[in-house]
Protein backbone atom coordinates (compact mmCIF):
# COMPACT_ATOMS: atom_id res chain seq x y z
CA UNK A 1 -118.01 12.23 -84.80
CA UNK A 2 -116.74 11.07 -81.95
CA UNK A 3 -114.10 8.22 -81.31
CA UNK A 4 -114.90 5.11 -79.00
CA UNK A 5 -112.82 4.84 -75.93
CA UNK A 6 -109.47 2.99 -76.66
CA UNK A 7 -109.93 3.55 -80.70
CA UNK A 8 -107.51 6.67 -80.63
CA UNK A 9 -104.60 6.04 -83.25
CA UNK A 10 -101.33 7.33 -81.99
CA UNK A 11 -99.26 9.03 -84.74
CA UNK A 12 -95.86 7.47 -85.88
CA UNK A 13 -93.23 9.19 -83.63
CA UNK A 14 -89.83 10.39 -85.12
CA UNK A 15 -88.11 7.24 -83.68
CA UNK A 16 -89.06 4.45 -85.70
CA UNK A 17 -90.78 1.44 -84.07
CA UNK A 18 -88.48 -1.48 -84.25
CA UNK A 19 -88.03 -4.73 -82.40
CA UNK A 20 -86.03 -4.48 -79.16
CA UNK A 21 -83.23 -6.76 -80.46
CA UNK A 22 -82.64 -4.54 -83.29
CA UNK A 23 -82.13 -1.60 -80.89
CA UNK A 24 -79.54 -3.85 -79.09
CA UNK A 25 -77.68 -4.41 -82.27
CA UNK A 26 -77.81 -0.96 -83.22
CA UNK A 27 -76.34 0.08 -79.57
CA UNK A 28 -73.56 -2.32 -80.07
CA UNK A 29 -72.85 -1.06 -83.47
CA UNK A 30 -72.56 2.46 -82.17
CA UNK A 31 -70.22 1.60 -79.20
CA UNK A 32 -67.87 -0.19 -81.82
CA UNK A 33 -68.29 3.00 -83.99
CA UNK A 34 -66.90 5.41 -81.11
CA UNK A 35 -63.79 2.82 -80.94
CA UNK A 36 -63.59 2.98 -84.68
CA UNK A 37 -63.80 6.72 -84.86
CA UNK A 38 -60.72 6.51 -82.15
CA UNK A 39 -58.43 5.20 -84.46
CA UNK A 40 -59.47 5.61 -88.35
CA UNK A 41 -58.47 9.26 -88.55
CA UNK A 42 -55.03 8.19 -86.92
CA UNK A 43 -53.58 5.52 -88.97
CA UNK A 44 -51.65 7.27 -91.58
CA UNK A 45 -50.34 9.77 -88.89
CA UNK A 46 -49.33 6.56 -86.77
CA UNK A 47 -47.65 4.76 -89.44
CA UNK A 48 -45.72 7.59 -90.63
CA UNK A 49 -44.70 9.66 -87.48
CA UNK A 50 -44.95 7.35 -84.93
CA UNK A 51 -43.72 4.13 -86.63
CA UNK A 52 -41.38 6.32 -89.12
CA UNK A 53 -42.36 4.77 -92.43
CA UNK A 54 -42.17 6.83 -95.62
CA UNK A 55 -45.28 8.65 -96.80
CA UNK A 56 -45.89 5.88 -99.70
CA UNK A 57 -45.51 3.02 -97.43
CA UNK A 58 -47.71 4.58 -94.77
CA UNK A 59 -50.40 4.87 -97.36
CA UNK A 60 -50.32 1.40 -98.40
CA UNK A 61 -50.77 0.26 -94.86
CA UNK A 62 -54.11 2.31 -94.96
CA UNK A 63 -55.03 0.88 -98.49
CA UNK A 64 -54.38 -2.73 -96.73
CA UNK A 65 -57.55 -2.35 -94.73
CA UNK A 66 -59.45 -1.59 -97.88
CA UNK A 67 -57.87 -4.24 -99.94
CA UNK A 68 -58.70 -6.96 -97.46
CA UNK A 69 -62.40 -6.25 -97.67
CA UNK A 70 -62.34 -7.27 -101.39
CA UNK A 71 -62.02 -10.97 -99.99
CA UNK A 72 -63.50 -10.28 -96.52
CA UNK A 73 -67.16 -8.76 -97.87
CA UNK A 74 -67.85 -12.13 -99.78
CA UNK A 75 -66.35 -14.29 -97.01
CA UNK A 76 -68.68 -12.56 -94.52
CA UNK A 77 -71.63 -12.91 -96.25
CA UNK A 78 -70.89 -16.75 -96.89
CA UNK A 79 -70.21 -17.02 -93.31
CA UNK A 80 -73.42 -15.39 -92.47
CA UNK A 81 -75.54 -18.08 -94.57
CA UNK A 82 -73.49 -20.74 -93.15
CA UNK A 83 -73.36 -20.09 -89.24
CA UNK A 84 -76.13 -17.37 -89.10
CA UNK A 85 -75.44 -13.73 -89.20
CA UNK A 86 -75.22 -13.43 -85.46
CA UNK A 87 -72.33 -15.90 -85.02
CA UNK A 88 -70.39 -14.56 -88.33
CA UNK A 89 -70.76 -11.07 -86.88
CA UNK A 90 -69.25 -12.57 -83.80
CA UNK A 91 -66.32 -13.92 -85.60
CA UNK A 92 -65.92 -10.66 -87.55
CA UNK A 93 -65.82 -8.91 -84.08
CA UNK A 94 -62.79 -11.08 -82.89
CA UNK A 95 -60.99 -10.59 -85.89
CA UNK A 96 -61.18 -6.63 -85.63
CA UNK A 97 -60.45 -6.78 -82.10
CA UNK A 98 -57.39 -8.79 -82.76
CA UNK A 99 -56.46 -6.53 -85.57
CA UNK A 100 -56.84 -3.15 -83.88
CA UNK A 101 -54.99 -4.69 -80.91
CA UNK A 102 -52.12 -5.68 -83.05
CA UNK A 103 -51.71 -2.40 -84.65
CA UNK A 104 -51.60 -0.70 -81.19
CA UNK A 105 -48.44 -3.22 -80.42
CA UNK A 106 -46.94 -3.03 -84.03
CA UNK A 107 -43.46 -2.19 -84.28
CA UNK A 108 -42.26 -3.02 -87.75
CA UNK A 109 -43.78 -2.57 -91.39
CA UNK A 110 -44.41 -6.42 -91.48
CA UNK A 111 -46.46 -6.07 -88.50
CA UNK A 112 -48.47 -3.05 -89.24
CA UNK A 113 -49.27 -4.52 -92.94
CA UNK A 114 -50.43 -7.69 -91.14
CA UNK A 115 -52.18 -5.89 -88.22
CA UNK A 116 -54.10 -3.55 -90.79
CA UNK A 117 -54.84 -6.32 -92.88
CA UNK A 118 -56.66 -8.20 -90.18
CA UNK A 119 -58.45 -5.21 -89.05
CA UNK A 120 -59.65 -4.86 -92.53
CA UNK A 121 -60.66 -8.24 -92.88
CA UNK A 122 -62.61 -8.11 -89.45
CA UNK A 123 -64.55 -5.07 -90.36
CA UNK A 124 -65.26 -6.41 -93.80
CA UNK A 125 -66.94 -9.70 -92.38
CA UNK A 126 -68.82 -7.61 -89.70
CA UNK A 127 -70.62 -5.29 -92.47
CA UNK A 128 -72.53 -7.92 -94.43
CA UNK A 129 -72.97 -10.04 -91.25
CA UNK A 130 -74.64 -7.39 -89.47
CA UNK A 131 -76.80 -5.99 -92.39
CA UNK A 132 -78.17 -9.46 -92.41
CA UNK A 133 -78.79 -9.63 -88.91
CA UNK A 134 -80.39 -6.14 -88.77
CA UNK A 135 -82.71 -7.10 -91.71
CA UNK A 136 -83.76 -10.30 -90.24
CA UNK A 137 -84.72 -8.60 -86.65
CA UNK A 138 -86.49 -5.79 -88.40
CA UNK A 139 -88.14 -7.72 -90.91
CA UNK A 140 -89.45 -6.38 -94.25
CA UNK A 141 -91.55 -3.55 -93.00
CA UNK A 142 -88.82 -2.13 -90.80
CA UNK A 143 -85.83 -2.51 -93.11
CA UNK A 144 -85.64 0.89 -94.55
CA UNK A 145 -86.10 2.16 -91.06
CA UNK A 146 -83.52 0.16 -89.31
CA UNK A 147 -80.79 0.96 -92.23
CA UNK A 148 -81.55 4.65 -91.61
CA UNK A 149 -81.02 4.37 -87.98
CA UNK A 150 -77.93 2.34 -88.38
CA UNK A 151 -76.38 5.05 -90.39
CA UNK A 152 -77.14 7.97 -87.85
CA UNK A 153 -75.79 5.58 -85.43
CA UNK A 154 -72.61 5.04 -87.17
CA UNK A 155 -71.84 8.85 -88.01
CA UNK A 156 -72.74 9.86 -84.37
CA UNK A 157 -70.14 7.20 -82.92
CA UNK A 158 -67.60 7.98 -85.52
CA UNK A 159 -67.65 11.69 -84.60
CA UNK A 160 -67.72 10.93 -80.90
CA UNK A 161 -64.82 8.71 -81.33
CA UNK A 162 -62.65 11.18 -83.52
CA UNK A 163 -63.46 14.14 -81.07
CA UNK A 164 -61.98 11.57 -78.45
CA UNK A 165 -58.95 11.24 -80.41
CA UNK A 166 -58.07 14.77 -81.19
CA UNK A 167 -58.22 15.34 -77.25
CA UNK A 168 -56.03 12.26 -76.61
CA UNK A 169 -53.45 11.39 -79.33
CA UNK A 170 -50.39 13.10 -79.85
CA UNK A 171 -47.51 12.16 -82.11
CA UNK A 172 -45.23 13.35 -79.39
CA UNK A 173 -46.42 10.52 -76.98
CA UNK A 174 -46.64 7.34 -78.84
CA UNK A 175 -48.22 5.49 -75.97
CA UNK A 176 -51.41 7.49 -76.74
CA UNK A 177 -51.90 5.48 -80.14
CA UNK A 178 -51.57 2.44 -78.44
CA UNK A 179 -54.15 3.59 -75.77
CA UNK A 180 -56.72 4.32 -78.38
CA UNK A 181 -56.05 0.99 -80.63
CA UNK A 182 -56.59 -1.11 -77.55
CA UNK A 183 -59.58 0.89 -76.60
CA UNK A 184 -60.86 0.26 -80.24
CA UNK A 185 -60.13 -3.46 -79.71
CA UNK A 186 -62.09 -3.19 -76.26
CA UNK A 187 -65.31 -1.63 -78.26
CA UNK A 188 -65.33 -4.66 -80.42
CA UNK A 189 -65.21 -7.02 -77.95
CA UNK A 190 -67.91 -5.36 -75.64
CA UNK A 191 -70.45 -6.25 -78.23
CA UNK A 192 -69.74 -9.94 -78.08
CA UNK A 193 -71.55 -10.92 -74.71
CA UNK A 194 -74.45 -8.90 -76.09
CA UNK A 195 -75.01 -11.10 -79.22
CA UNK A 196 -74.23 -14.13 -77.22
CA UNK A 197 -77.23 -13.75 -75.59
CA UNK A 198 -79.50 -12.38 -78.66
CA UNK A 199 -82.24 -14.91 -79.45
CA UNK A 200 -82.82 -15.58 -83.15
CA UNK A 201 -85.81 -14.38 -84.63
CA UNK A 202 -88.63 -17.29 -84.76
CA UNK A 203 -89.65 -18.03 -88.36
CA UNK A 204 -93.00 -16.55 -89.66
CA UNK A 205 -96.14 -18.89 -88.74
CA UNK A 206 -96.47 -19.74 -92.57
CA UNK A 207 -92.97 -21.31 -92.71
CA UNK A 208 -93.45 -23.68 -89.56
CA UNK A 209 -95.13 -26.86 -90.18
CA UNK A 210 -98.29 -27.89 -88.61
CA UNK A 211 -98.16 -29.86 -85.41
CA UNK A 212 -97.61 -33.68 -86.00
CA UNK A 213 -96.35 -32.67 -89.70
CA UNK A 214 -92.27 -33.39 -90.17
CA UNK A 215 -90.14 -30.22 -91.08
CA UNK A 216 -89.93 -29.63 -95.01
CA UNK A 217 -86.64 -30.65 -96.73
CA UNK A 218 -83.91 -27.81 -96.37
CA UNK A 219 -83.91 -25.89 -99.50
CA UNK A 220 -80.92 -26.02 -101.91
CA UNK A 221 -78.09 -23.82 -100.93
CA UNK A 222 -77.82 -20.67 -102.90
CA UNK A 223 -74.15 -19.94 -104.24
CA UNK A 224 -72.44 -16.97 -105.90
CA UNK A 225 -73.15 -17.98 -109.64
CA UNK A 226 -77.08 -17.95 -108.69
CA UNK A 227 -77.00 -14.66 -106.98
CA UNK A 228 -75.03 -13.09 -109.84
CA UNK A 229 -77.93 -14.78 -112.14
CA UNK A 230 -80.19 -12.44 -110.40
CA UNK A 231 -80.53 -9.31 -113.07
CA UNK A 232 -82.45 -7.20 -110.58
CA UNK A 233 -79.50 -7.68 -107.81
CA UNK A 234 -76.88 -7.20 -110.53
CA UNK A 235 -78.50 -3.78 -111.70
CA UNK A 236 -78.74 -2.63 -107.80
CA UNK A 237 -74.88 -3.79 -107.55
CA UNK A 238 -73.94 -1.48 -110.46
CA UNK A 239 -76.04 1.32 -109.39
CA UNK A 240 -74.47 1.01 -105.96
CA UNK A 241 -70.84 0.90 -107.09
CA UNK A 242 -71.49 4.03 -109.31
CA UNK A 243 -72.85 5.97 -106.52
CA UNK A 244 -70.30 5.15 -104.00
CA UNK A 245 -67.66 5.98 -106.46
CA UNK A 246 -68.83 9.56 -107.43
CA UNK A 247 -69.83 10.11 -103.48
CA UNK A 248 -68.57 8.53 -100.45
CA UNK A 249 -65.41 7.59 -102.75
CA UNK A 250 -64.55 11.29 -103.34
CA UNK A 251 -65.83 12.81 -100.09
CA UNK A 252 -63.06 11.13 -97.83
CA UNK A 253 -60.09 11.92 -100.23
CA UNK A 254 -61.00 14.23 -103.13
CA UNK A 255 -63.11 16.79 -101.38
CA UNK A 256 -60.43 17.21 -98.77
CA UNK A 257 -57.39 17.60 -101.48
CA UNK A 258 -59.44 20.38 -103.59
CA UNK A 259 -60.77 22.47 -100.44
CA UNK A 260 -57.30 22.80 -99.31
CA UNK A 261 -55.47 22.96 -102.87
CA UNK A 262 -56.69 24.98 -104.74
CA UNK A 263 -59.69 25.86 -102.44
CA UNK A 264 -57.27 27.51 -99.76
CA UNK A 265 -58.83 26.55 -96.55
CA UNK A 266 -56.85 25.33 -93.56
CA UNK A 267 -57.01 22.36 -91.62
CA UNK A 268 -59.45 23.94 -89.15
CA UNK A 269 -61.66 24.99 -92.11
CA UNK A 270 -61.56 21.18 -93.18
CA UNK A 271 -62.22 20.04 -89.70
CA UNK A 272 -65.44 22.07 -89.72
CA UNK A 273 -66.71 20.86 -92.93
CA UNK A 274 -66.31 17.27 -91.63
CA UNK A 275 -67.92 17.88 -88.71
CA UNK A 276 -70.74 19.80 -90.37
CA UNK A 277 -71.43 16.54 -92.35
CA UNK A 278 -71.07 14.28 -89.43
CA UNK A 279 -73.61 16.65 -87.28
CA UNK A 280 -76.06 16.93 -90.37
CA UNK A 281 -76.51 13.23 -90.88
CA UNK A 282 -77.05 12.68 -86.80
CA UNK A 283 -79.65 15.19 -86.96
CA UNK A 284 -81.38 14.99 -90.17
CA UNK A 285 -81.52 11.34 -90.77
CA UNK A 286 -84.74 10.34 -88.82
CA UNK A 287 -86.43 13.67 -90.24
CA UNK A 288 -85.53 12.39 -93.66
CA UNK A 289 -86.78 8.87 -93.14
CA UNK A 290 -89.93 9.96 -91.86
CA UNK A 291 -90.46 12.41 -94.96
CA UNK A 292 -89.57 9.49 -97.21
CA UNK A 293 -92.46 6.94 -95.85
CA UNK A 294 -94.67 5.56 -98.76
CA UNK A 295 -92.13 6.69 -101.43
CA UNK A 296 -90.28 4.18 -103.69
CA UNK A 297 -86.78 3.81 -102.73
CA UNK A 298 -85.45 4.14 -106.06
CA UNK A 299 -86.70 7.84 -106.12
CA UNK A 300 -84.71 8.23 -102.86
CA UNK A 301 -81.76 7.20 -104.47
CA UNK A 302 -82.20 9.45 -107.34
CA UNK A 303 -82.92 12.07 -104.47
CA UNK A 304 -79.53 11.35 -103.13
CA UNK A 305 -77.64 11.44 -106.19
CA UNK A 306 -79.33 15.18 -106.97
CA UNK A 307 -78.26 16.26 -103.70
CA UNK A 308 -74.45 14.93 -104.26
CA UNK A 309 -74.58 16.83 -107.71
CA UNK A 310 -75.63 20.11 -105.90
CA UNK A 311 -72.97 19.38 -103.00
CA UNK A 312 -70.28 19.22 -105.87
CA UNK A 313 -71.60 22.42 -107.56
CA UNK A 314 -70.87 24.19 -104.27
CA UNK A 315 -67.71 22.87 -103.99
CA UNK A 316 -66.57 23.92 -107.31
CA UNK A 317 -67.62 27.51 -106.04
CA UNK A 318 -65.79 27.50 -103.11
CA UNK A 319 -62.75 26.46 -104.90
CA UNK A 320 -63.05 29.87 -107.00
CA UNK A 321 -63.49 31.69 -104.20
CA UNK A 322 -59.72 32.18 -103.29
CA UNK A 323 -59.70 30.87 -99.69
CA UNK A 324 -61.09 33.05 -96.65
CA UNK A 325 -64.26 32.78 -94.81
CA UNK A 326 -66.24 32.81 -98.20
CA UNK A 327 -64.61 29.81 -99.19
CA UNK A 328 -64.98 27.76 -95.91
CA UNK A 329 -68.61 28.78 -95.67
CA UNK A 330 -68.82 27.06 -99.30
CA UNK A 331 -66.91 24.04 -98.16
CA UNK A 332 -68.85 23.66 -94.84
CA UNK A 333 -72.31 24.07 -97.17
CA UNK A 334 -71.23 21.67 -99.40
CA UNK A 335 -70.29 19.10 -96.58
CA UNK A 336 -73.82 19.51 -95.13
CA UNK A 337 -75.46 19.06 -98.52
CA UNK A 338 -73.56 15.94 -99.15
CA UNK A 339 -75.10 14.60 -95.75
CA UNK A 340 -78.43 15.31 -96.92
CA UNK A 341 -77.80 12.69 -99.63
CA UNK A 342 -76.45 10.27 -97.37
CA UNK A 343 -79.57 10.43 -95.40
CA UNK A 344 -81.53 9.86 -98.66
CA UNK A 345 -79.54 6.87 -99.51
CA UNK A 346 -79.34 5.28 -96.21
CA UNK A 347 -82.85 3.64 -96.40
CA UNK A 348 -83.05 2.37 -99.99
CA UNK A 349 -80.18 0.38 -101.45
CA UNK A 350 -79.66 -2.03 -98.31
CA UNK A 351 -83.02 -2.72 -97.81
CA UNK A 352 -83.56 -3.30 -101.67
CA UNK A 353 -80.91 -6.12 -101.56
CA UNK A 354 -82.21 -7.75 -98.40
CA UNK A 355 -85.78 -7.80 -100.02
CA UNK A 356 -84.47 -9.34 -103.14
CA UNK A 357 -82.55 -12.23 -101.25
CA UNK A 358 -84.30 -15.19 -101.13
CA UNK A 359 -84.60 -17.16 -98.04
CA UNK A 360 -81.23 -18.62 -96.73
CA UNK A 361 -79.13 -16.33 -99.04
CA UNK A 362 -79.10 -12.95 -97.07
CA UNK A 363 -75.62 -13.12 -96.14
CA UNK A 364 -74.51 -13.90 -99.90
CA UNK A 365 -76.63 -10.96 -101.03
CA UNK A 366 -75.32 -8.51 -98.39
CA UNK A 367 -71.71 -9.76 -98.59
CA UNK A 368 -71.97 -9.02 -102.80
CA UNK A 369 -73.79 -5.84 -102.00
CA UNK A 370 -71.19 -4.57 -99.87
CA UNK A 371 -68.55 -5.15 -102.00
CA UNK A 372 -70.26 -2.70 -104.38
CA UNK A 373 -69.41 -0.15 -101.40
CA UNK A 374 -65.92 -1.44 -101.50
CA UNK A 375 -65.40 -1.08 -104.81
CA UNK A 376 -66.64 2.42 -105.00
CA UNK A 377 -64.45 3.45 -102.08
CA UNK A 378 -61.26 1.86 -104.10
CA UNK A 379 -62.09 3.45 -107.61
CA UNK A 380 -63.06 6.86 -106.07
CA UNK A 381 -60.05 7.81 -104.42
CA UNK A 382 -57.97 6.28 -107.21
CA UNK A 383 -59.49 8.24 -109.96
CA UNK A 384 -60.04 11.46 -107.76
CA UNK A 385 -56.56 11.24 -106.58
CA UNK A 386 -55.19 11.04 -110.36
CA UNK A 387 -57.28 14.05 -111.28
CA UNK A 388 -56.09 16.09 -108.59
CA UNK A 389 -52.31 15.13 -109.10
CA UNK A 390 -52.72 16.31 -112.83
CA UNK A 391 -54.17 19.53 -111.91
CA UNK A 392 -57.78 18.69 -113.15
CA UNK A 393 -59.61 19.65 -109.81
CA UNK A 394 -62.42 21.56 -111.40
CA UNK A 395 -62.88 19.53 -114.18
CA UNK A 396 -63.03 16.30 -111.84
CA UNK A 397 -65.99 17.97 -109.75
CA UNK A 398 -67.75 19.17 -112.77
CA UNK A 399 -67.66 15.61 -114.30
CA UNK A 400 -68.88 14.54 -110.87
CA UNK A 401 -71.96 16.61 -110.97
CA UNK A 402 -72.65 15.13 -114.57
CA UNK A 403 -72.33 11.56 -113.28
CA UNK A 404 -74.66 12.36 -110.30
CA UNK A 405 -77.17 13.46 -112.66
CA UNK A 406 -76.72 10.47 -114.79
CA UNK A 407 -77.06 8.21 -111.90
CA UNK A 408 -80.35 10.08 -110.61
CA UNK A 409 -81.63 8.98 -113.72
CA UNK A 410 -80.22 5.18 -113.55
CA UNK A 411 -81.79 5.31 -110.18
CA UNK A 412 -85.36 5.72 -111.43
CA UNK A 413 -84.99 3.59 -114.28
CA UNK A 414 -83.90 0.90 -111.95
CA UNK A 415 -87.41 0.90 -110.51
CA UNK A 416 -88.93 -0.88 -113.59
CA UNK A 417 -86.53 -3.95 -112.71
CA UNK A 418 -87.78 -4.41 -109.02
CA UNK A 419 -90.70 -6.18 -107.28
CA UNK A 420 -93.11 -3.33 -106.18
CA UNK A 421 -92.47 -4.61 -102.64
CA UNK A 422 -88.95 -4.08 -102.58
CA UNK A 423 -89.09 -0.59 -103.88
CA UNK A 424 -91.41 0.78 -101.39
CA UNK A 425 -90.34 2.62 -98.20
CA UNK A 426 -92.98 1.62 -95.74
CA UNK A 427 -94.62 4.15 -93.61
CA UNK A 428 -93.47 4.00 -89.84
CA UNK A 429 -95.38 1.87 -87.55
CA UNK A 430 -97.58 3.76 -85.11
CA UNK A 431 -96.06 4.13 -81.75
CA UNK A 432 -97.54 1.48 -79.33
CA UNK A 433 -100.83 2.33 -77.41
CA UNK A 434 -100.76 2.46 -73.63
CA UNK A 435 -101.90 -0.60 -71.99
CA UNK A 436 -104.66 -0.36 -69.17
CA UNK A 437 -101.81 -0.38 -66.53
CA UNK A 438 -100.06 2.62 -68.26
CA UNK A 439 -97.49 0.67 -69.97
CA UNK A 440 -96.86 0.51 -73.72
CA UNK A 441 -97.84 -2.65 -75.45
CA UNK A 442 -96.44 -4.17 -78.65
CA UNK A 443 -98.02 -6.75 -80.41
CA UNK A 444 -95.06 -7.88 -82.44
CA UNK A 445 -93.50 -11.22 -81.54
CA UNK A 446 -91.25 -10.47 -78.51
CA UNK A 447 -87.21 -11.37 -80.04
CA UNK A 448 -86.07 -9.99 -76.46
CA UNK A 449 -82.68 -10.52 -75.48
CA UNK A 450 -82.36 -13.76 -73.14
């Protein structure tokens, strides 16, 4: 049977078909991630070796960024609903830029703590506001895709920034730290003009009143109490906090401590492991997204937990190889497997949270949803550090393997409590077909930058 001319359907490409404004926001996020990559690995070193703070005080400066998020995440979500996500995101960028610049110029402990708190507050406002903005720009069909691409862009930006910091920063030249912190501030500010010209999405046709009819009365404003009364959201929140505690919360702290003691690998081997993680995320994320199309989001979250269980099992093996090349290979492999879990999780929980949010409450849902990540980032290092300090390294990772298996079961059970539409990863949209003039045509509403 022959197909009529012009009816050939193009197969979906690897790159998701997202609205142009979503790509604009993703591009701005990538630039700011490069700036964050310049500075995030350096803060402890900067506070300790350049500003001469004791180890414990320097660690508290680093912790101040995370502690500020406990207030910033809900505040950012509330601001997104009250001011619109775009304006809340712009406010967060200004705060983060001010905090990063202040860190580069700080000379006293009080100034370092204040600057770190300002940076943490800005970053914690940015996250939920940007999630709400991306969700609105991508629409329900594109939410899994846009959060997957965001995760890939974030890792690529952080990796490039870290490479730049490694080439520039030196404790023997304190001015290099000032340069990278000011560069970080500039990457936040560079995002502002783009957002200022971004048109908000038009409301769906069904939400607009017919010609000649008055607009409907505004919906009652949703508060934190109403969000916490949503049992499906609370279940998602609890699963998110658990997953982050036993995964990301361990990878940035306990993994490094165990790999070097008792794992026996040196700083170079540890750097290779983190590089393998970043490269795997950047290279595999879009392939994983395409493979997940049409499957349940909770299934993908369960597979992420299973991947992390496998990763921690490999890490345990690496810790008993006595150092050397074999141990280095094990820890590099464990970090790469961990990255696959990241790629599986990225298109799931943030998209579920946004699909659960009623109109006008996406900011609050994202603010509290991001707070679950922050909770895991705080609990994970605290618990893991205590276990490593007591000499329970192998026991810690054995418990993490079991916890990941339990989290996989919990993720599958979560599917019973979600609306079917919120639990499905839509298939990627087909690539736009060429128009007679040879240019691609997209039938979606144009949300282009003004």
